[in-house]
C-alpha cells in the first residue's frame, strides 16, 4: 500500500480500489460465501477507522460494512467494532455523512 503526505498526515492512497472492493462485496458470487475471507483482507484498511481524521476513505469503509451486513444479514465482531467508530467519522465531517 502506498502512502502520501496530505493535510491529515500520512494516509493510504487507495483510489479506485474501493470500486473493486465495492463490486466484490455486492456480488452474490462472493458474499456471503467468502465474507470471512473478504473481511480478513480488509481488516488493515478498517484499522484506519480508529482515527478517521487521517484518512479520506472513511465513507467507503462505512458503506462497505453496511453492504456486508446487508448481504450477510448479520453483524460480525469486526463490523461492530468499526461501527463504534462512526461518531468519530461524524465529528470529522461536522455531523454529516456522505
Protein backbone atom coordinates (compact mmCIF):
# COMPACT_ATOMS: atom_id res chain seq x y z
CA UNK A 1 0.00 0.00 0.00
CA UNK A 2 1.38 3.39 -0.93
CA UNK A 3 1.31 6.37 1.38
CA UNK A 4 1.02 10.05 0.70
CA UNK A 5 1.52 13.11 2.84
CA UNK A 6 -1.55 15.28 2.87
CA UNK A 7 -3.23 17.71 5.19
CA UNK A 8 -4.09 14.83 7.50
CA UNK A 9 -0.57 13.37 7.73
CA UNK A 10 0.24 10.02 6.21
CA UNK A 11 -2.80 8.36 4.66
CA UNK A 12 -3.06 5.36 2.38
CA UNK A 13 -3.86 6.06 -1.21
CA UNK A 14 -6.38 3.53 -2.38
CA UNK A 15 -8.22 5.49 -5.07
CA UNK A 16 -10.14 3.33 -7.46
CA UNK A 17 -9.50 0.19 -5.43
CA UNK A 18 -12.66 0.92 -3.45
CA UNK A 19 -14.65 0.42 -6.65
CA UNK A 20 -13.23 -3.09 -6.93
CA UNK A 21 -13.87 -3.79 -3.24
CA UNK A 22 -17.41 -2.44 -3.53
CA UNK A 23 -18.17 -4.62 -6.57
CA UNK A 24 -16.82 -7.74 -4.85
CA UNK A 25 -18.96 -7.06 -1.79
CA UNK A 26 -22.08 -6.51 -3.91
CA UNK A 27 -21.77 -9.76 -5.87
CA UNK A 28 -23.64 -12.85 -4.70
CA UNK A 29 -20.81 -14.96 -6.15
CA UNK A 30 -18.57 -13.66 -3.33
CA UNK A 31 -20.83 -12.67 -0.45
CA UNK A 32 -21.83 -14.42 1.75
CA UNK A 33 -19.72 -17.37 0.55
CA UNK A 34 -16.36 -15.58 1.05
CA UNK A 35 -17.42 -12.97 3.59
CA UNK A 36 -14.93 -14.00 6.23
CA UNK A 37 -12.02 -14.02 3.77
CA UNK A 38 -13.06 -10.63 2.41
CA UNK A 39 -13.30 -9.19 5.90
CA UNK A 40 -9.89 -10.64 6.80
CA UNK A 41 -8.36 -8.94 3.76
CA UNK A 42 -9.99 -5.60 4.61
CA UNK A 43 -9.03 -5.53 8.30
CA UNK A 44 -5.90 -3.49 7.58
CA UNK A 45 -7.98 -0.78 5.95
CA UNK A 46 -10.59 -1.00 8.68
CA UNK A 47 -7.91 -0.27 11.31
CA UNK A 48 -7.62 3.28 9.96
CA UNK A 49 -11.11 3.98 11.31
CA UNK A 50 -9.62 4.34 14.80
CA UNK A 51 -8.63 7.84 13.69
CA UNK A 52 -10.69 8.80 10.63
CA UNK A 53 -9.13 12.28 10.58
CA UNK A 54 -6.05 10.73 8.97
CA UNK A 55 -7.87 9.13 6.03
CA UNK A 56 -10.09 10.22 3.19
CA UNK A 57 -11.95 6.94 2.70
CA UNK A 58 -13.96 6.63 5.91
CA UNK A 59 -17.23 6.89 3.98
CA UNK A 60 -16.21 3.97 1.77
CA UNK A 61 -15.37 1.84 4.82
CA UNK A 62 -18.79 2.54 6.39
CA UNK A 63 -20.61 1.84 3.12
CA UNK A 64 -18.63 -1.37 2.65
CA UNK A 65 -19.51 -2.56 6.15
CA UNK A 66 -23.13 -1.66 5.51
CA UNK A 67 -23.15 -3.71 2.31
CA UNK A 68 -21.60 -6.75 4.01
CA UNK A 69 -24.10 -6.56 6.86
CA UNK A 70 -26.97 -6.30 4.39
CA UNK A 71 -25.80 -9.26 2.30
CA UNK A 72 -24.87 -11.47 5.28
CA UNK A 73 -27.91 -10.48 7.36
CA UNK A 74 -25.70 -10.32 10.45
CA UNK A 75 -23.05 -8.13 12.06
CA UNK A 76 -19.60 -9.59 12.70
CA UNK A 77 -17.47 -8.55 15.67
CA UNK A 78 -15.10 -6.67 13.33
CA UNK A 79 -18.01 -4.81 11.74
CA UNK A 80 -19.39 -3.96 15.19
CA UNK A 81 -16.01 -2.52 16.18
CA UNK A 82 -15.94 -0.41 13.01
CA UNK A 83 -19.45 0.90 13.61
CA UNK A 84 -18.33 2.02 17.08
CA UNK A 85 -16.04 4.48 15.26
CA UNK A 86 -18.98 6.15 13.50
CA UNK A 87 -19.18 9.07 15.98
CA UNK A 88 -15.55 9.95 15.13
CA UNK A 89 -16.41 9.90 11.43
CA UNK A 90 -19.42 12.13 12.02
CA UNK A 91 -17.31 14.54 14.09
CA UNK A 92 -14.71 14.71 11.32
CA UNK A 93 -17.42 15.56 8.80
CA UNK A 94 -19.22 18.05 11.05
CA UNK A 95 -22.05 15.66 11.91
CA UNK A 96 -22.82 14.75 8.30
CA UNK A 97 -22.20 11.61 6.33
CA UNK A 98 -21.59 11.01 2.64
